[in-house]
Amino acid sequence: MKKLIVLFLGGSLLLSSCGKDKKNDSDVPAEEVVAKDNFSVVMNAIYEKDDELSFVYKKNGYWDYDHPTKYAVKGQPNSQMLNIPFPLGEKCDNVQIDVSTNKEQKVLKLTDISILNNGKEIVNGRNMAFIKYFNFGTAFTWDEKNLRYNLLFDQEYPPRIVGSDALEALLAK
């Protein structure tokens, strides 16, 4: 009988001490997780022919032409949503987009250029609102009848869009 009581008390002590260790583990503050910036450019566009876009980012006041982000587009007659991530964890001051390297791409229909950070919209460029955030180079003419841009490769190659001062002000926040 004494052995049974000793075993019972020993088992109780063991179980109560194991439960206490678990409680102490939960009292330890968890490491604080710092979310990195995860920016992306989201474009809705119609590319009739296969093409490649190139994105250059301005960081700390300098354009990083040595490390462009390339993005391939498959040509089709329907609007495509293109989601192009910035270099992971990097905050940028501005963005420059070479919208086409295919000289056979004669027209481009853009309906949206927005910028997201961690999925949250920073720049709402829907319904052509992007025109206040981006400057279009000389390689673009507006086709009012068809609501699209004509690309003029003989004016500027490649056709380029550069973020405006308004875009820089939003990205600086």
N, C-alpha and C. Protein backbone atom coordinates (compact mmCIF):
# COMPACT_ATOMS: atom_id res chain seq x y z
N MET A 1 0.81 -1.17 0.00
CA MET A 1 0.00 0.00 0.00
C MET A 1 0.86 1.25 0.00
N LYS A 2 1.96 1.20 0.81
CA LYS A 2 2.85 2.35 0.86
C LYS A 2 3.46 2.61 -0.53
N LYS A 3 3.80 1.52 -1.23
CA LYS A 3 4.38 1.67 -2.57
C LYS A 3 3.39 2.34 -3.51
N LEU A 4 2.12 1.99 -3.38
CA LEU A 4 1.10 2.56 -4.24
C LEU A 4 0.94 4.06 -3.98
N ILE A 5 0.97 4.46 -2.72
CA ILE A 5 0.86 5.87 -2.36
C ILE A 5 2.07 6.64 -2.87
N VAL A 6 3.26 6.07 -2.71
CA VAL A 6 4.49 6.73 -3.19
C VAL A 6 4.44 6.89 -4.71
N LEU A 7 4.00 5.84 -5.42
CA LEU A 7 3.88 5.93 -6.88
C LEU A 7 2.86 7.00 -7.28
N PHE A 8 1.74 7.06 -6.58
CA PHE A 8 0.70 8.04 -6.89
C PHE A 8 1.22 9.45 -6.67
N LEU A 9 1.88 9.70 -5.55
CA LEU A 9 2.42 11.04 -5.26
C LEU A 9 3.52 11.41 -6.25
N GLY A 10 4.36 10.46 -6.60
CA GLY A 10 5.44 10.70 -7.58
C GLY A 10 4.87 11.04 -8.95
N GLY A 11 3.85 10.30 -9.37
CA GLY A 11 3.20 10.56 -10.67
C GLY A 11 2.52 11.92 -10.67
N SER A 12 1.86 12.26 -9.56
CA SER A 12 1.19 13.57 -9.46
C SER A 12 2.21 14.69 -9.53
N LEU A 13 3.32 14.54 -8.84
CA LEU A 13 4.37 15.55 -8.85
C LEU A 13 4.94 15.72 -10.25
N LEU A 14 5.16 14.63 -10.95
CA LEU A 14 5.70 14.66 -12.31
C LEU A 14 4.73 15.36 -13.25
N LEU A 15 3.45 15.01 -13.19
CA LEU A 15 2.45 15.61 -14.07
C LEU A 15 2.27 17.10 -13.78
N SER A 16 2.25 17.47 -12.52
CA SER A 16 2.06 18.89 -12.19
C SER A 16 3.28 19.72 -12.59
N SER A 17 4.47 19.16 -12.52
CA SER A 17 5.66 19.91 -12.91
C SER A 17 5.72 20.05 -14.43
N CYS A 18 5.28 19.03 -15.19
CA CYS A 18 5.27 19.13 -16.66
C CYS A 18 4.29 20.19 -17.11
N GLY A 19 3.14 20.26 -16.47
CA GLY A 19 2.15 21.27 -16.83
C GLY A 19 2.65 22.66 -16.53
N LYS A 20 3.41 22.82 -15.45
CA LYS A 20 3.92 24.13 -15.07
C LYS A 20 4.95 24.61 -16.08
N ASP A 21 5.80 23.71 -16.60
CA ASP A 21 6.79 24.10 -17.60
C ASP A 21 6.10 24.63 -18.85
N LYS A 22 5.00 24.02 -19.23
CA LYS A 22 4.29 24.47 -20.42
C LYS A 22 3.76 25.88 -20.22
N LYS A 23 3.25 26.16 -19.02
CA LYS A 23 2.75 27.50 -18.74
C LYS A 23 3.89 28.51 -18.80
N ASN A 24 5.03 28.17 -18.26
CA ASN A 24 6.17 29.09 -18.28
C ASN A 24 6.62 29.38 -19.71
N ASP A 25 6.55 28.35 -20.58
CA ASP A 25 6.93 28.56 -21.97
C ASP A 25 6.03 29.59 -22.63
N SER A 26 4.74 29.59 -22.28
CA SER A 26 3.82 30.53 -22.92
C SER A 26 3.99 31.93 -22.36
N ASP A 27 4.60 32.07 -21.19
CA ASP A 27 4.82 33.39 -20.61
C ASP A 27 5.97 34.13 -21.28
N VAL A 28 6.81 33.40 -22.01
CA VAL A 28 7.94 34.03 -22.69
C VAL A 28 7.40 34.86 -23.85
N PRO A 29 7.75 36.14 -23.91
CA PRO A 29 7.22 36.97 -25.00
C PRO A 29 7.73 36.47 -26.36
N ALA A 30 6.82 36.43 -27.30
CA ALA A 30 7.18 35.99 -28.66
C ALA A 30 8.04 37.05 -29.31
N GLU A 31 8.93 36.60 -30.19
CA GLU A 31 9.76 37.56 -30.92
C GLU A 31 8.86 38.41 -31.79
N GLU A 32 9.14 39.70 -31.82
CA GLU A 32 8.35 40.61 -32.63
C GLU A 32 8.72 40.42 -34.09
N VAL A 33 7.72 40.20 -34.92
CA VAL A 33 7.94 40.01 -36.35
C VAL A 33 7.74 41.35 -37.04
N VAL A 34 8.76 41.78 -37.75
CA VAL A 34 8.69 43.04 -38.48
C VAL A 34 8.38 42.72 -39.93
N ALA A 35 7.27 43.25 -40.41
CA ALA A 35 6.87 43.00 -41.80
C ALA A 35 7.74 43.82 -42.73
N LYS A 36 8.28 43.15 -43.74
CA LYS A 36 9.07 43.85 -44.75
C LYS A 36 8.14 44.42 -45.79
N ASP A 37 8.61 45.48 -46.44
CA ASP A 37 7.85 46.02 -47.56
C ASP A 37 7.81 45.00 -48.67
N ASN A 38 6.64 44.83 -49.24
CA ASN A 38 6.47 43.91 -50.35
C ASN A 38 5.64 44.63 -51.42
N PHE A 39 6.29 45.54 -52.14
CA PHE A 39 5.62 46.36 -53.14
C PHE A 39 5.44 45.59 -54.44
N SER A 40 4.39 45.95 -55.18
CA SER A 40 4.19 45.42 -56.53
C SER A 40 3.43 46.43 -57.37
N VAL A 41 3.70 46.38 -58.67
CA VAL A 41 2.96 47.17 -59.64
C VAL A 41 1.93 46.24 -60.26
N VAL A 42 0.68 46.68 -60.29
CA VAL A 42 -0.39 45.90 -60.90
C VAL A 42 -0.93 46.69 -62.08
N MET A 43 -0.89 46.07 -63.25
CA MET A 43 -1.35 46.72 -64.47
C MET A 43 -2.46 45.88 -65.11
N ASN A 44 -3.49 46.55 -65.60
CA ASN A 44 -4.48 45.91 -66.47
C ASN A 44 -4.22 46.46 -67.86
N ALA A 45 -3.91 45.57 -68.79
CA ALA A 45 -3.52 46.02 -70.13
C ALA A 45 -3.88 44.97 -71.16
N ILE A 46 -4.00 45.44 -72.39
CA ILE A 46 -4.17 44.53 -73.52
C ILE A 46 -2.90 44.61 -74.36
N TYR A 47 -2.19 43.50 -74.39
CA TYR A 47 -1.02 43.32 -75.25
C TYR A 47 -1.43 42.35 -76.35
N GLU A 48 -1.53 42.82 -77.57
CA GLU A 48 -1.96 41.97 -78.67
C GLU A 48 -0.88 40.99 -79.10
N LYS A 49 0.38 41.32 -78.84
CA LYS A 49 1.51 40.47 -79.25
C LYS A 49 2.36 40.15 -78.01
N ASP A 50 3.11 39.05 -78.09
CA ASP A 50 4.04 38.72 -77.00
C ASP A 50 5.01 39.88 -76.82
N ASP A 51 5.37 40.14 -75.58
CA ASP A 51 6.24 41.28 -75.31
C ASP A 51 6.99 41.07 -74.00
N GLU A 52 7.88 42.00 -73.72
CA GLU A 52 8.62 42.00 -72.45
C GLU A 52 8.65 43.41 -71.91
N LEU A 53 8.30 43.55 -70.65
CA LEU A 53 8.35 44.83 -69.95
C LEU A 53 9.61 44.84 -69.11
N SER A 54 10.08 46.04 -68.81
CA SER A 54 11.25 46.19 -67.96
C SER A 54 10.94 47.29 -66.93
N PHE A 55 11.21 46.98 -65.67
CA PHE A 55 10.94 47.91 -64.58
C PHE A 55 12.26 48.29 -63.93
N VAL A 56 12.46 49.61 -63.78
CA VAL A 56 13.65 50.12 -63.09
C VAL A 56 13.14 50.93 -61.91
N TYR A 57 13.78 50.75 -60.77
CA TYR A 57 13.34 51.41 -59.54
C TYR A 57 14.35 52.45 -59.11
N LYS A 58 13.82 53.54 -58.55
CA LYS A 58 14.65 54.60 -58.00
C LYS A 58 14.72 54.37 -56.49
N LYS A 59 15.96 54.25 -55.99
CA LYS A 59 16.18 54.01 -54.56
C LYS A 59 17.20 55.01 -54.05
N ASN A 60 16.89 55.63 -52.94
CA ASN A 60 17.79 56.61 -52.32
C ASN A 60 18.23 57.68 -53.30
N GLY A 61 17.30 58.09 -54.17
CA GLY A 61 17.58 59.18 -55.11
C GLY A 61 18.26 58.77 -56.40
N TYR A 62 18.54 57.48 -56.59
CA TYR A 62 19.25 57.02 -57.80
C TYR A 62 18.46 55.91 -58.50
N TRP A 63 18.40 55.99 -59.83
CA TRP A 63 17.78 54.95 -60.63
C TRP A 63 18.72 53.75 -60.71
N ASP A 64 18.22 52.57 -60.45
CA ASP A 64 19.02 51.34 -60.45
C ASP A 64 18.93 50.65 -61.81
N TYR A 65 19.58 51.26 -62.82
CA TYR A 65 19.55 50.72 -64.18
C TYR A 65 20.32 49.40 -64.30
N ASP A 66 21.18 49.10 -63.34
CA ASP A 66 21.96 47.86 -63.40
C ASP A 66 21.15 46.61 -63.04
N HIS A 67 19.99 46.80 -62.41
CA HIS A 67 19.19 45.66 -61.95
C HIS A 67 17.72 45.81 -62.33
N PRO A 68 17.41 45.85 -63.62
CA PRO A 68 15.99 45.96 -64.00
C PRO A 68 15.24 44.65 -63.73
N THR A 69 13.95 44.77 -63.50
CA THR A 69 13.09 43.61 -63.35
C THR A 69 12.38 43.40 -64.68
N LYS A 70 12.58 42.24 -65.29
CA LYS A 70 11.96 41.91 -66.58
C LYS A 70 10.67 41.14 -66.33
N TYR A 71 9.70 41.37 -67.21
CA TYR A 71 8.42 40.68 -67.07
C TYR A 71 7.89 40.33 -68.46
N ALA A 72 7.72 39.05 -68.73
CA ALA A 72 7.23 38.59 -70.04
C ALA A 72 5.71 38.61 -70.07
N VAL A 73 5.16 39.05 -71.21
CA VAL A 73 3.72 39.11 -71.40
C VAL A 73 3.37 38.28 -72.63
N LYS A 74 2.36 37.46 -72.49
CA LYS A 74 1.86 36.66 -73.61
C LYS A 74 0.77 37.47 -74.31
N GLY A 75 0.93 37.68 -75.61
CA GLY A 75 -0.04 38.45 -76.37
C GLY A 75 -1.39 37.77 -76.44
N GLN A 76 -2.46 38.58 -76.29
CA GLN A 76 -3.83 38.08 -76.42
C GLN A 76 -4.77 39.27 -76.59
N PRO A 77 -5.97 39.05 -77.12
CA PRO A 77 -6.88 40.17 -77.38
C PRO A 77 -7.65 40.64 -76.14
N ASN A 78 -7.54 39.93 -75.03
CA ASN A 78 -8.27 40.28 -73.81
C ASN A 78 -7.36 41.00 -72.81
N SER A 79 -8.00 41.73 -71.91
CA SER A 79 -7.26 42.43 -70.86
C SER A 79 -6.61 41.42 -69.91
N GLN A 80 -5.38 41.73 -69.53
CA GLN A 80 -4.63 40.87 -68.60
C GLN A 80 -4.28 41.68 -67.36
N MET A 81 -4.33 41.03 -66.20
CA MET A 81 -3.83 41.66 -64.99
C MET A 81 -2.40 41.19 -64.80
N LEU A 82 -1.47 42.13 -64.82
CA LEU A 82 -0.06 41.83 -64.65
C LEU A 82 0.34 42.29 -63.26
N ASN A 83 0.90 41.40 -62.46
CA ASN A 83 1.34 41.73 -61.10
C ASN A 83 2.85 41.56 -61.04
N ILE A 84 3.56 42.69 -60.99
CA ILE A 84 5.02 42.67 -61.05
C ILE A 84 5.58 43.10 -59.69
N PRO A 85 6.25 42.19 -58.97
CA PRO A 85 6.78 42.55 -57.65
C PRO A 85 8.04 43.39 -57.74
N PHE A 86 8.18 44.34 -56.83
CA PHE A 86 9.43 45.07 -56.64
C PHE A 86 10.42 44.07 -56.05
N PRO A 87 11.72 44.40 -56.04
CA PRO A 87 12.67 43.53 -55.32
C PRO A 87 12.19 43.37 -53.87
N LEU A 88 12.13 42.14 -53.38
CA LEU A 88 11.53 41.83 -52.08
C LEU A 88 12.17 42.61 -50.95
N GLY A 89 11.31 43.20 -50.14
CA GLY A 89 11.76 43.90 -48.95
C GLY A 89 12.34 45.27 -49.20
N GLU A 90 12.29 45.75 -50.42
CA GLU A 90 12.89 47.05 -50.73
C GLU A 90 11.81 48.09 -50.95
N LYS A 91 12.02 49.24 -50.36
CA LYS A 91 11.15 50.39 -50.59
C LYS A 91 11.79 51.22 -51.67
N CYS A 92 10.99 51.65 -52.62
CA CYS A 92 11.51 52.41 -53.75
C CYS A 92 10.92 53.81 -53.75
N ASP A 93 11.67 54.74 -54.33
CA ASP A 93 11.23 56.13 -54.41
C ASP A 93 10.36 56.38 -55.63
N ASN A 94 10.57 55.62 -56.69
CA ASN A 94 9.85 55.83 -57.94
C ASN A 94 10.03 54.59 -58.82
N VAL A 95 9.27 54.55 -59.91
CA VAL A 95 9.35 53.42 -60.83
C VAL A 95 9.29 53.93 -62.27
N GLN A 96 10.05 53.26 -63.12
CA GLN A 96 10.07 53.54 -64.56
C GLN A 96 9.70 52.25 -65.27
N ILE A 97 8.77 52.32 -66.21
CA ILE A 97 8.29 51.12 -66.90
C ILE A 97 8.54 51.25 -68.39
N ASP A 98 9.36 50.36 -68.92
CA ASP A 98 9.48 50.22 -70.37
C ASP A 98 8.36 49.28 -70.77
N VAL A 99 7.31 49.83 -71.41
CA VAL A 99 6.08 49.06 -71.62
C VAL A 99 6.14 48.08 -72.77
N SER A 100 7.15 48.21 -73.66
CA SER A 100 7.22 47.29 -74.78
C SER A 100 8.62 47.28 -75.38
N THR A 101 9.08 46.09 -75.73
CA THR A 101 10.33 45.96 -76.48
C THR A 101 10.07 45.33 -77.85
N ASN A 102 8.82 44.99 -78.11
CA ASN A 102 8.43 44.37 -79.38
C ASN A 102 7.98 45.48 -80.34
N LYS A 103 8.79 45.76 -81.35
CA LYS A 103 8.48 46.84 -82.28
C LYS A 103 7.24 46.55 -83.13
N GLU A 104 6.75 45.34 -83.10
CA GLU A 104 5.51 45.01 -83.81
C GLU A 104 4.27 45.32 -82.97
N GLN A 105 4.47 45.66 -81.71
CA GLN A 105 3.36 46.05 -80.83
C GLN A 105 3.00 47.49 -81.16
N LYS A 106 1.96 47.69 -81.91
CA LYS A 106 1.61 49.03 -82.41
C LYS A 106 0.71 49.80 -81.46
N VAL A 107 -0.10 49.07 -80.68
CA VAL A 107 -1.04 49.73 -79.77
C VAL A 107 -0.96 49.07 -78.39
N LEU A 108 -1.37 49.83 -77.38
CA LEU A 108 -1.40 49.33 -76.01
C LEU A 108 -2.60 49.95 -75.32
N LYS A 109 -3.45 49.11 -74.78
CA LYS A 109 -4.59 49.61 -74.02
C LYS A 109 -4.31 49.39 -72.54
N LEU A 110 -4.18 50.48 -71.81
CA LEU A 110 -3.95 50.45 -70.36
C LEU A 110 -5.20 50.99 -69.66
N THR A 111 -5.71 50.25 -68.70
CA THR A 111 -6.85 50.75 -67.93
C THR A 111 -6.51 50.95 -66.46
N ASP A 112 -5.37 50.43 -66.03
CA ASP A 112 -5.02 50.51 -64.61
C ASP A 112 -3.53 50.31 -64.43
N ILE A 113 -2.92 51.19 -63.65
CA ILE A 113 -1.58 50.96 -63.11
C ILE A 113 -1.68 51.35 -61.64
N SER A 114 -1.69 50.36 -60.77
CA SER A 114 -1.78 50.59 -59.33
C SER A 114 -0.53 50.05 -58.65
N ILE A 115 -0.28 50.54 -57.43
CA ILE A 115 0.86 50.05 -56.66
C ILE A 115 0.35 49.57 -55.31
N LEU A 116 0.77 48.36 -54.94
CA LEU A 116 0.37 47.74 -53.68
C LEU A 116 1.60 47.54 -52.79
N ASN A 117 1.38 47.56 -51.47
CA ASN A 117 2.41 47.18 -50.51
C ASN A 117 1.78 46.19 -49.54
N ASN A 118 2.32 44.98 -49.50
CA ASN A 118 1.78 43.91 -48.67
C ASN A 118 0.28 43.72 -48.93
N GLY A 119 -0.12 43.83 -50.19
CA GLY A 119 -1.51 43.64 -50.58
C GLY A 119 -2.40 44.85 -50.38
N LYS A 120 -1.89 45.89 -49.73
CA LYS A 120 -2.68 47.10 -49.48
C LYS A 120 -2.40 48.11 -50.60
N GLU A 121 -3.46 48.68 -51.14
CA GLU A 121 -3.32 49.62 -52.25
C GLU A 121 -2.72 50.94 -51.77
N ILE A 122 -1.59 51.33 -52.38
CA ILE A 122 -0.93 52.60 -52.09
C ILE A 122 -1.33 53.63 -53.15
N VAL A 123 -1.38 53.19 -54.40
CA VAL A 123 -1.76 54.05 -55.52
C VAL A 123 -2.92 53.37 -56.25
N ASN A 124 -4.05 54.06 -56.32
CA ASN A 124 -5.21 53.55 -57.06
C ASN A 124 -5.17 54.15 -58.45
N GLY A 125 -4.84 53.34 -59.43
CA GLY A 125 -4.75 53.82 -60.80
C GLY A 125 -5.86 53.32 -61.70
N ARG A 126 -6.94 52.81 -61.09
CA ARG A 126 -8.04 52.29 -61.89
C ARG A 126 -8.76 53.41 -62.64
N ASN A 127 -9.45 53.02 -63.71
CA ASN A 127 -10.24 53.95 -64.53
C ASN A 127 -9.42 55.14 -65.00
N MET A 128 -8.21 54.85 -65.44
CA MET A 128 -7.31 55.86 -66.01
C MET A 128 -6.80 56.88 -64.97
N ALA A 129 -7.03 56.64 -63.68
CA ALA A 129 -6.54 57.55 -62.64
C ALA A 129 -5.02 57.56 -62.59
N PHE A 130 -4.38 56.56 -63.20
CA PHE A 130 -2.92 56.47 -63.18
C PHE A 130 -2.25 57.61 -63.92
N ILE A 131 -2.96 58.34 -64.79
CA ILE A 131 -2.30 59.38 -65.59
C ILE A 131 -1.77 60.52 -64.73
N LYS A 132 -2.29 60.70 -63.51
CA LYS A 132 -1.73 61.74 -62.63
C LYS A 132 -0.48 61.27 -61.90
N TYR A 133 -0.20 59.96 -61.94
CA TYR A 133 0.96 59.41 -61.25
C TYR A 133 2.10 59.01 -62.18
N PHE A 134 1.84 59.03 -63.49
CA PHE A 134 2.86 58.60 -64.45
C PHE A 134 2.94 59.58 -65.62
N ASN A 135 4.17 59.86 -66.04
CA ASN A 135 4.43 60.69 -67.21
C ASN A 135 4.75 59.78 -68.39
N PHE A 136 4.11 60.05 -69.51
CA PHE A 136 4.30 59.25 -70.72
C PHE A 136 5.30 59.95 -71.63
N GLY A 137 6.23 59.17 -72.18
CA GLY A 137 7.25 59.71 -73.08
C GLY A 137 6.69 60.03 -74.45
N THR A 138 7.57 60.43 -75.35
CA THR A 138 7.18 60.85 -76.70
C THR A 138 6.75 59.69 -77.58
N ALA A 139 6.92 58.48 -77.14
CA ALA A 139 6.56 57.30 -77.94
C ALA A 139 5.08 56.94 -77.82
N PHE A 140 4.29 57.76 -77.16
CA PHE A 140 2.86 57.49 -76.97
C PHE A 140 2.02 58.58 -77.61
N THR A 141 1.00 58.18 -78.35
CA THR A 141 -0.06 59.11 -78.77
C THR A 141 -1.38 58.47 -78.37
N TRP A 142 -2.32 59.31 -77.96
CA TRP A 142 -3.60 58.81 -77.49
C TRP A 142 -4.57 58.67 -78.65
N ASP A 143 -5.17 57.50 -78.76
CA ASP A 143 -6.19 57.21 -79.77
C ASP A 143 -7.55 57.34 -79.09
N GLU A 144 -8.17 58.51 -79.22
CA GLU A 144 -9.43 58.80 -78.53
C GLU A 144 -10.55 57.86 -78.97
N LYS A 145 -10.61 57.54 -80.23
CA LYS A 145 -11.68 56.70 -80.77
C LYS A 145 -11.65 55.30 -80.14
N ASN A 146 -10.47 54.71 -80.03
CA ASN A 146 -10.34 53.34 -79.50
C ASN A 146 -9.91 53.29 -78.04
N LEU A 147 -9.71 54.44 -77.43
CA LEU A 147 -9.31 54.54 -76.02
C LEU A 147 -8.07 53.70 -75.71
N ARG A 148 -7.03 53.95 -76.47
CA ARG A 148 -5.78 53.22 -76.28
C ARG A 148 -4.62 54.10 -76.76
N TYR A 149 -3.41 53.63 -76.45
CA TYR A 149 -2.20 54.35 -76.86
C TYR A 149 -1.63 53.72 -78.13
N ASN A 150 -1.20 54.57 -79.04
CA ASN A 150 -0.41 54.12 -80.18
C ASN A 150 1.05 54.21 -79.75
N LEU A 151 1.83 53.20 -80.04
CA LEU A 151 3.24 53.18 -79.68
C LEU A 151 4.07 53.57 -80.89
N LEU A 152 4.92 54.58 -80.71
CA LEU A 152 5.75 55.10 -81.79
C LEU A 152 7.21 54.78 -81.48
N PHE A 153 7.67 53.64 -81.94
CA PHE A 153 9.03 53.20 -81.65
C PHE A 153 10.09 54.08 -82.32
N ASP A 154 9.71 54.81 -83.36
CA ASP A 154 10.69 55.69 -84.01
C ASP A 154 10.91 56.97 -83.21
N GLN A 155 10.06 57.26 -82.23
CA GLN A 155 10.21 58.45 -81.38
C GLN A 155 11.10 58.17 -80.17
N GLU A 156 10.87 57.05 -79.56
CA GLU A 156 11.61 56.68 -78.34
C GLU A 156 11.59 55.16 -78.25
N TYR A 157 12.74 54.58 -78.00
CA TYR A 157 12.80 53.13 -77.83
C TYR A 157 13.53 52.81 -76.54
N PRO A 158 12.96 52.02 -75.72
CA PRO A 158 11.60 51.51 -75.75
C PRO A 158 10.61 52.56 -75.22
N PRO A 159 9.31 52.45 -75.57
CA PRO A 159 8.31 53.37 -75.01
C PRO A 159 8.32 53.26 -73.49
N ARG A 160 8.35 54.40 -72.83
CA ARG A 160 8.62 54.41 -71.39
C ARG A 160 7.63 55.29 -70.64
N ILE A 161 7.23 54.81 -69.47
CA ILE A 161 6.41 55.58 -68.53
C ILE A 161 7.25 55.76 -67.27
N VAL A 162 7.28 56.98 -66.75
CA VAL A 162 8.06 57.27 -65.54
C VAL A 162 7.13 57.86 -64.49
N GLY A 163 7.29 57.42 -63.26
CA GLY A 163 6.48 57.96 -62.17
C GLY A 163 6.68 59.45 -62.00
N SER A 164 5.59 60.14 -61.68
CA SER A 164 5.61 61.60 -61.53
C SER A 164 6.01 61.99 -60.10
N ASP A 165 6.07 63.30 -59.85
CA ASP A 165 6.34 63.79 -58.50
C ASP A 165 5.23 63.35 -57.54
N ALA A 166 3.99 63.27 -58.04
CA ALA A 166 2.88 62.82 -57.20
C ALA A 166 3.09 61.38 -56.74
N LEU A 167 3.61 60.54 -57.63
CA LEU A 167 3.91 59.15 -57.26
C LEU A 167 5.03 59.11 -56.22
N GLU A 168 6.08 59.88 -56.44
CA GLU A 168 7.19 59.91 -55.46
C GLU A 168 6.69 60.34 -54.09
N ALA A 169 5.78 61.31 -54.05
CA ALA A 169 5.24 61.77 -52.77
C ALA A 169 4.47 60.66 -52.06
N LEU A 170 3.71 59.88 -52.80
CA LEU A 170 2.97 58.76 -52.19
C LEU A 170 3.90 57.65 -51.71
N LEU A 171 4.92 57.35 -52.49
CA LEU A 171 5.84 56.27 -52.10
C LEU A 171 6.73 56.68 -50.94
N ALA A 172 6.91 57.98 -50.72
CA ALA A 172 7.75 58.46 -49.62
C ALA A 172 7.07 58.31 -48.27
N LYS A 173 5.76 58.13 -48.26
CA LYS A 173 5.01 58.03 -46.99
C LYS A 173 5.33 56.76 -46.25
